[in-house]
Protein backbone atom coordinates (compact mmCIF):
# COMPACT_ATOMS: atom_id res chain seq x y z
CA MET A 1 8.17 2.16 33.24
CA VAL A 2 4.81 2.52 31.50
CA GLU A 3 4.08 -0.05 28.77
CA PHE A 4 2.28 1.10 25.66
CA THR A 5 0.37 -0.97 23.14
CA LEU A 6 -0.06 0.38 19.66
CA THR A 7 -3.18 -0.59 17.80
CA SER A 8 -3.40 -0.26 14.02
CA ALA A 9 -6.48 1.68 12.86
CA PRO A 10 -7.59 2.79 9.43
CA PRO A 11 -7.09 6.52 8.94
CA LEU A 12 -10.78 7.21 8.35
CA ALA A 13 -12.16 4.65 10.86
CA GLY A 14 -15.65 5.49 12.11
CA TYR A 15 -16.32 8.20 9.52
CA HIS A 16 -20.00 8.29 8.55
CA GLN A 17 -21.69 11.38 7.23
CA ARG A 18 -24.95 12.18 5.41
CA PHE A 19 -25.20 15.10 3.04
CA GLY A 20 -28.91 15.27 2.11
CA SER A 21 -29.58 12.17 0.01
CA VAL A 22 -25.88 11.17 -0.20
CA THR A 23 -24.06 9.05 2.39
CA LEU A 24 -20.28 8.93 2.65
CA ARG A 25 -18.81 6.42 5.08
CA SER A 26 -15.64 4.47 5.82
CA PRO A 27 -16.40 0.72 5.76
CA ASP A 28 -15.70 -1.06 9.01
CA GLU A 29 -12.82 -3.57 9.13
CA LEU A 30 -12.08 -3.33 5.39
CA ALA A 31 -9.38 -5.80 4.33
CA ILE A 32 -7.64 -5.77 0.95
CA VAL A 33 -5.36 -8.55 -0.27
CA ASN A 34 -3.54 -8.39 -3.64
CA MET A 35 -3.69 -11.66 -5.58
CA ALA A 36 -1.01 -12.04 -8.28
CA ILE A 37 -1.22 -14.97 -10.67
CA PRO A 38 2.12 -16.75 -11.01
CA LEU A 39 3.45 -16.89 -14.60
CA GLY A 40 1.86 -19.74 -16.53
CA LYS A 41 -0.47 -20.69 -13.67
CA ASP A 42 -3.71 -19.05 -14.92
CA GLY A 43 -5.66 -22.33 -15.02
CA ALA A 44 -4.76 -23.24 -11.45
CA ALA A 45 -5.59 -19.73 -10.27
CA MET A 46 -9.01 -19.73 -11.90
CA LYS A 47 -9.78 -23.19 -10.48
CA ALA A 48 -8.75 -22.04 -6.99
CA VAL A 49 -11.00 -18.99 -7.13
CA GLY A 50 -13.89 -21.16 -8.25
CA SER A 51 -13.50 -23.62 -5.44
CA GLY A 52 -12.55 -21.06 -2.78
CA TYR A 53 -15.09 -18.32 -3.56
CA GLY A 54 -17.71 -20.08 -5.69
CA VAL A 55 -17.34 -17.65 -8.63
CA ASP A 56 -15.16 -17.12 -11.68
CA LEU A 57 -12.45 -14.50 -11.48
CA PRO A 58 -13.85 -11.64 -13.59
CA GLU A 59 -12.28 -10.02 -16.59
CA PRO A 60 -9.98 -7.01 -16.00
CA GLY A 61 -12.03 -3.91 -15.16
CA LYS A 62 -14.79 -5.97 -13.52
CA SER A 63 -15.57 -7.22 -10.04
CA VAL A 64 -17.72 -9.98 -8.61
CA VAL A 65 -19.07 -10.80 -5.15
CA SER A 66 -18.31 -14.32 -3.96
CA LYS A 67 -21.09 -16.88 -3.77
CA LYS A 68 -21.71 -16.39 -0.07
CA GLY A 69 -20.90 -12.66 -0.09
CA ALA A 70 -17.65 -13.17 1.81
CA ALA A 71 -15.57 -11.03 -0.53
CA ARG A 72 -15.56 -8.84 -3.64
CA LEU A 73 -12.92 -9.91 -6.17
CA VAL A 74 -11.74 -7.06 -8.37
CA ARG A 75 -9.68 -7.88 -11.46
CA LEU A 76 -7.14 -5.10 -11.97
CA ALA A 77 -5.04 -6.63 -14.77
CA PRO A 78 -4.68 -9.96 -16.55
CA ASP A 79 -2.44 -11.27 -13.74
CA GLN A 80 -3.67 -9.25 -10.75
CA ALA A 81 -6.77 -8.98 -8.59
CA PHE A 82 -7.82 -7.70 -5.21
CA ALA A 83 -9.89 -9.58 -2.63
CA ILE A 84 -11.84 -6.96 -0.67
CA PHE A 85 -13.73 -8.15 2.38
CA THR A 86 -14.58 -7.46 6.01
CA HIS A 87 -12.00 -8.86 8.38
CA PRO A 88 -11.49 -7.78 12.01
CA THR A 89 -7.93 -8.96 12.63
CA PRO A 90 -4.60 -8.14 10.94
CA ASP A 91 -4.24 -11.50 9.20
CA ALA A 92 -6.24 -10.87 6.03
CA GLU A 93 -3.63 -12.57 3.83
CA GLU A 94 -4.08 -15.82 5.78
CA ALA A 95 -7.87 -15.64 5.34
CA VAL A 96 -7.45 -15.50 1.54
CA ALA A 97 -4.74 -18.20 1.54
CA LYS A 98 -7.15 -20.59 3.29
CA ARG A 99 -9.56 -20.22 0.38
CA ILE A 100 -7.16 -20.35 -2.59
CA LYS A 101 -4.16 -22.23 -1.14
CA THR A 102 -0.96 -21.46 -3.10
CA ALA A 103 -2.55 -20.59 -6.48
CA PHE A 104 -1.62 -16.89 -6.17
CA TYR A 105 1.12 -14.76 -4.68
CA LEU A 106 -0.63 -12.84 -1.91
CA THR A 107 0.20 -9.48 -0.37
CA ASP A 108 -1.87 -7.83 2.36
CA GLN A 109 -2.67 -4.32 1.19
CA THR A 110 -5.03 -3.34 4.02
CA ASP A 111 -2.78 -0.68 5.54
CA VAL A 112 -1.80 0.74 2.14
CA TRP A 113 -5.36 1.74 1.09
CA THR A 114 -8.22 3.61 2.67
CA GLY A 115 -11.79 3.14 1.52
CA LEU A 116 -14.94 5.23 1.35
CA GLU A 117 -18.40 4.12 0.31
CA LEU A 118 -20.46 6.73 -1.51
CA SER A 119 -24.19 6.06 -1.88
CA GLY A 120 -27.44 7.76 -2.65
CA PRO A 121 -29.13 9.50 -5.60
CA GLY A 122 -26.57 12.34 -5.77
CA SER A 123 -23.51 10.07 -5.79
CA LEU A 124 -23.06 10.02 -9.55
CA ALA A 125 -23.34 13.82 -9.84
CA ALA A 126 -20.71 14.27 -7.10
CA LEU A 127 -18.30 11.84 -8.82
CA GLU A 128 -18.80 13.33 -12.27
CA ARG A 129 -17.28 16.61 -11.03
CA ILE A 130 -13.97 14.98 -10.05
CA CYS A 131 -13.65 11.74 -12.03
CA PRO A 132 -12.47 11.88 -15.63
CA ILE A 133 -13.94 8.50 -16.68
CA ASP A 134 -17.49 8.08 -18.00
CA LEU A 135 -19.53 6.79 -15.06
CA HIS A 136 -22.87 6.68 -16.83
CA PRO A 137 -24.51 3.29 -16.05
CA LEU A 138 -24.34 2.30 -19.76
CA SER A 139 -20.58 2.83 -19.72
CA PHE A 140 -19.71 1.92 -16.15
CA ALA A 141 -22.18 -0.68 -14.97
CA VAL A 142 -22.65 -2.25 -11.56
CA ASP A 143 -19.51 -4.38 -10.75
CA ASN A 144 -17.27 -2.41 -13.09
CA ALA A 145 -13.94 -1.22 -11.64
CA ALA A 146 -11.30 1.22 -12.86
CA ARG A 147 -8.14 2.91 -11.73
CA THR A 148 -8.32 6.65 -12.27
CA VAL A 149 -7.21 10.00 -10.90
CA MET A 150 -9.54 12.24 -9.00
CA GLU A 151 -8.08 15.69 -8.62
CA HIS A 152 -4.48 14.80 -7.73
CA LEU A 153 -5.13 11.40 -6.11
CA GLY A 154 -4.96 7.90 -7.56
CA VAL A 155 -8.26 6.12 -6.96
CA LEU A 156 -9.69 2.68 -7.60
CA ILE A 157 -13.43 3.07 -8.20
CA ILE A 158 -15.86 0.16 -8.07
CA ARG A 159 -19.55 0.52 -8.80
CA THR A 160 -21.27 -1.72 -6.22
CA GLY A 161 -24.87 -0.68 -6.94
CA GLU A 162 -26.86 1.71 -9.14
CA ASP A 163 -26.12 4.61 -6.79
CA GLN A 164 -23.30 3.02 -4.80
CA PHE A 165 -19.52 3.18 -5.20
CA LEU A 166 -16.54 1.91 -3.28
CA LEU A 167 -13.57 4.19 -3.67
CA LEU A 168 -10.05 3.23 -2.58
CA SER A 169 -7.05 5.56 -2.38
CA ALA A 170 -3.69 5.68 -0.65
CA SER A 171 -3.98 5.73 3.12
CA SER A 172 -1.19 8.26 3.26
CA SER A 173 -3.47 10.87 1.67
CA ALA A 174 -6.69 9.82 3.43
CA ARG A 175 -7.61 13.30 4.63
CA SER A 176 -7.17 14.83 1.18
CA PHE A 177 -9.24 11.95 -0.28
CA LEU A 178 -12.04 12.63 2.22
CA HIS A 179 -11.90 16.37 1.70
CA MET A 180 -12.11 15.98 -2.09
CA LEU A 181 -15.28 13.84 -1.85
CA GLU A 182 -16.94 15.98 0.80
CA THR A 183 -16.30 19.13 -1.20
CA SER A 184 -17.67 17.64 -4.41
CA ILE A 185 -20.82 16.38 -2.66
CA LYS A 186 -21.42 19.79 -1.05
CA ASN A 187 -20.86 21.60 -4.37
CA VAL A 188 -23.40 19.41 -6.16
CA GLN A 189 -25.99 20.00 -3.45
CA GLN A 190 -25.56 23.81 -3.69
CA ASN A 191 -26.45 23.81 -7.40
């Protein structure tokens, strides 16, 4: 009898495409861990983030890169954040737990989400066609984060640079997510 080994792979693994001045790519080995603050344990959670990542947990709607660049912490709500980082093996939750001990309830979300990085001078124009929030740099600065809907898909958008965005959406609709972004980029370039 033949033995098979299944290997988990992100739905958009290896995708990297340039459209003129805009680049759209799937980050390699992207790991996402949800960090929920236990009720009444805010102080301990903040202290753990400081000692484990060398930064303060940002306010909701903001993100911060850890002191040594090991992770981006995105605050989604008063009691919830994501740790987003590069991690090659399927034990991302353990990697976060080593840094913050038991200060948070952790849930590995890596397989639930798919990510795309959009960069280049035309990125903002492409996003403005499909994103209902104001992405102008004065309203949505570098390190800002927001949950929104683009076309029919729920998306977490994080501005990682002046012309750079990390976009996360459900892995179950990865192809629709990719198609939406490719189409918007192509439409902007035609005008």
